[in-house]
Amino acid sequence: MRRLHLVLRLRDTRTTRHHNGPNIALYPTYGHWLACLTDGDAAGQKYAASARNMIPDAPVETVPRFVTQLPSPDMEHFQYKAGFSDVYHRMARLPSGVPASMRKAITKAIHQESKPGLAITVASDAAERRRNAISSLLRQMFTEVLQQAELNSDEKDL
């Protein structure tokens, strides 16, 4: 039986070390499929390459289904560009009508809130906006994850 795991690159914000860690190394050992979402920065590119190399028995054309790399340096920049700039400006407590760069809005929002807090706020805002608020890249990734989970569930029932 194959299982699907969603692995996110973790960043320890106190030391800025990246934990590409032991988790990703264990999945191929147990024969689990891997769904990996990485940032688009250099560390995310290395992590995505590592994840791709851990799916040796998968046909080449299916690997992109399991490894998704953001076209932005990180999730915050991706979501800002995907239509949630107002959320970041609001959470940064920037005065309305005062222009602020994407970087400044994101940095101040993280300082005012936290990365998990921002993620929850963006997710809540997306829920209010409905399905079209979620980028096609993330919708496609979640669709693949759900399809794989259904396949795994069907295999388990056999």
Protein backbone atom coordinates (compact mmCIF):
# COMPACT_ATOMS: atom_id res chain seq x y z
CA MET A 1 0.00 0.00 0.00
CA ARG A 2 1.30 3.47 -0.90
CA ARG A 3 0.56 6.50 1.20
CA LEU A 4 0.76 10.14 0.25
CA HIS A 5 2.52 12.60 2.51
CA LEU A 6 2.50 16.35 2.15
CA VAL A 7 5.87 17.70 3.16
CA LEU A 8 6.57 21.37 3.62
CA ARG A 9 10.00 22.84 3.99
CA LEU A 10 10.34 24.11 7.52
CA ARG A 11 12.33 27.15 8.47
CA ASP A 12 13.57 27.80 11.98
CA THR A 13 13.16 31.58 12.06
CA ARG A 14 15.45 31.95 15.07
CA THR A 15 18.49 30.57 13.28
CA THR A 16 17.32 30.72 9.63
CA ARG A 17 18.54 27.14 9.22
CA HIS A 18 16.56 25.00 6.85
CA HIS A 19 15.48 21.57 8.01
CA ASN A 20 15.44 19.39 4.92
CA GLY A 21 15.53 16.89 7.62
CA PRO A 22 15.05 13.31 8.41
CA ASN A 23 11.36 13.29 7.46
CA ILE A 24 11.89 13.41 3.73
CA ALA A 25 14.52 10.67 3.89
CA LEU A 26 12.12 8.25 5.57
CA TYR A 27 9.33 8.29 3.01
CA PRO A 28 11.03 6.30 0.23
CA THR A 29 12.21 3.78 2.80
CA TYR A 30 8.61 2.86 3.57
CA GLY A 31 7.47 3.03 -0.06
CA HIS A 32 5.25 6.06 0.40
CA TRP A 33 4.54 8.49 -2.39
CA LEU A 34 5.58 12.01 -1.68
CA ALA A 35 3.78 15.28 -2.32
CA CYS A 36 6.17 18.13 -1.75
CA LEU A 37 5.52 21.89 -1.87
CA THR A 38 8.65 24.05 -1.77
CA ASP A 39 9.49 27.71 -1.87
CA GLY A 40 10.93 29.08 -5.10
CA ASP A 41 14.19 30.29 -3.54
CA ALA A 42 17.54 28.51 -3.84
CA ALA A 43 16.90 26.35 -0.76
CA GLY A 44 13.48 25.37 -2.13
CA GLN A 45 15.04 24.42 -5.46
CA LYS A 46 17.51 22.14 -3.70
CA TYR A 47 14.72 20.63 -1.60
CA ALA A 48 12.59 20.01 -4.71
CA ALA A 49 15.54 18.32 -6.42
CA SER A 50 16.04 16.09 -3.37
CA ALA A 51 12.36 15.19 -3.36
CA ARG A 52 12.41 14.38 -7.09
CA ASN A 53 15.39 12.09 -6.56
CA MET A 54 13.50 10.22 -3.87
CA ILE A 55 10.85 9.04 -6.31
CA PRO A 56 13.05 6.75 -8.43
CA ASP A 57 10.35 4.28 -9.43
CA ALA A 58 7.86 6.92 -10.57
CA PRO A 59 7.56 7.56 -14.31
CA VAL A 60 9.25 10.85 -15.24
CA GLU A 61 5.98 12.41 -16.43
CA THR A 62 4.33 11.86 -13.03
CA VAL A 63 7.07 13.45 -10.90
CA PRO A 64 5.70 17.00 -11.32
CA ARG A 65 2.46 15.73 -9.76
CA PHE A 66 4.34 15.01 -6.55
CA VAL A 67 6.72 17.98 -6.42
CA THR A 68 5.33 21.51 -6.65
CA GLN A 69 7.63 24.50 -6.48
CA LEU A 70 6.28 27.98 -5.88
CA PRO A 71 7.13 30.57 -8.55
CA SER A 72 7.97 33.01 -5.73
CA PRO A 73 10.69 33.03 -3.07
CA ASP A 74 8.24 31.94 -0.36
CA MET A 75 4.56 31.36 0.38
CA GLU A 76 4.03 34.92 1.60
CA HIS A 77 5.26 36.45 -1.66
CA PHE A 78 3.27 33.88 -3.63
CA GLN A 79 0.02 34.66 -1.80
CA TYR A 80 0.64 38.42 -1.97
CA LYS A 81 0.98 38.18 -5.78
CA ALA A 82 -1.99 35.79 -5.96
CA GLY A 83 -4.42 38.47 -4.80
CA PHE A 84 -3.99 38.67 -1.05
CA SER A 85 -1.95 41.90 -0.93
CA ASP A 86 -4.80 43.60 0.94
CA VAL A 87 -4.53 41.00 3.71
CA TYR A 88 -0.80 41.63 4.12
CA HIS A 89 -1.28 45.42 4.12
CA ARG A 90 -4.09 45.11 6.68
CA MET A 91 -2.06 42.78 8.92
CA ALA A 92 0.97 45.07 8.62
CA ARG A 93 -1.25 47.89 9.89
CA LEU A 94 -0.14 50.12 7.05
CA PRO A 95 -2.22 53.28 6.58
CA SER A 96 -4.62 52.94 3.66
CA GLY A 97 -3.66 54.94 0.62
CA VAL A 98 0.00 54.96 1.57
CA PRO A 99 2.01 52.96 -0.97
CA ALA A 100 4.21 50.22 0.41
CA SER A 101 6.37 47.69 -1.40
CA MET A 102 5.48 44.03 -1.33
CA ARG A 103 8.58 43.27 0.73
CA LYS A 104 7.79 45.97 3.29
CA ALA A 105 4.16 44.88 3.64
CA ILE A 106 5.12 41.22 4.10
CA THR A 107 7.94 41.98 6.53
CA LYS A 108 5.77 44.27 8.66
CA ALA A 109 2.86 41.81 8.59
CA ILE A 110 5.12 39.01 9.82
CA HIS A 111 6.48 41.33 12.52
CA GLN A 112 2.97 42.37 13.62
CA GLU A 113 1.48 38.88 13.50
CA SER A 114 3.47 35.70 12.78
CA LYS A 115 3.83 33.41 9.79
CA PRO A 116 1.28 30.91 11.14
CA GLY A 117 -1.09 33.75 12.03
CA LEU A 118 -0.79 35.21 8.54
CA ALA A 119 -1.39 31.80 6.99
CA ILE A 120 -4.59 31.42 9.00
CA THR A 121 -5.73 34.93 8.07
CA VAL A 122 -5.06 34.34 4.36
CA ALA A 123 -6.84 30.96 4.53
CA SER A 124 -9.86 32.55 6.25
CA ASP A 125 -9.94 35.32 3.67
CA ALA A 126 -9.70 32.74 0.87
CA ALA A 127 -12.62 30.82 2.40
CA GLU A 128 -14.74 33.97 2.34
CA ARG A 129 -13.79 34.64 -1.28
CA ARG A 130 -14.52 31.03 -2.25
CA ARG A 131 -12.79 28.69 -4.69
CA ASN A 132 -11.56 31.29 -7.20
CA ALA A 133 -9.41 32.93 -4.53
CA ILE A 134 -7.08 29.93 -4.45
CA SER A 135 -4.39 30.00 -7.11
CA SER A 136 -4.57 27.45 -9.90
CA LEU A 137 -1.17 26.09 -8.85
CA LEU A 138 -2.39 25.25 -5.34
CA ARG A 139 -5.76 24.00 -6.61
CA GLN A 140 -3.94 21.65 -8.99
CA MET A 141 -1.63 20.41 -6.22
CA PHE A 142 -4.53 19.74 -3.82
CA THR A 143 -6.48 18.00 -6.59
CA GLU A 144 -3.52 15.66 -7.15
CA VAL A 145 -3.20 15.03 -3.42
CA LEU A 146 -6.92 14.18 -3.14
CA GLN A 147 -6.82 11.93 -6.21
CA GLN A 148 -3.82 10.05 -4.83
CA ALA A 149 -5.52 9.72 -1.44
CA GLU A 150 -8.59 8.25 -3.15
CA LEU A 151 -6.40 5.78 -5.04
CA ASN A 152 -4.68 4.79 -1.82
CA SER A 153 -8.04 4.38 -0.12
CA ASP A 154 -9.28 2.18 -2.98
CA GLU A 155 -6.11 0.04 -2.74
CA LYS A 156 -6.68 -0.34 1.00
CA ASP A 157 -10.25 -1.54 0.43
CA LEU A 158 -9.09 -4.31 -1.92
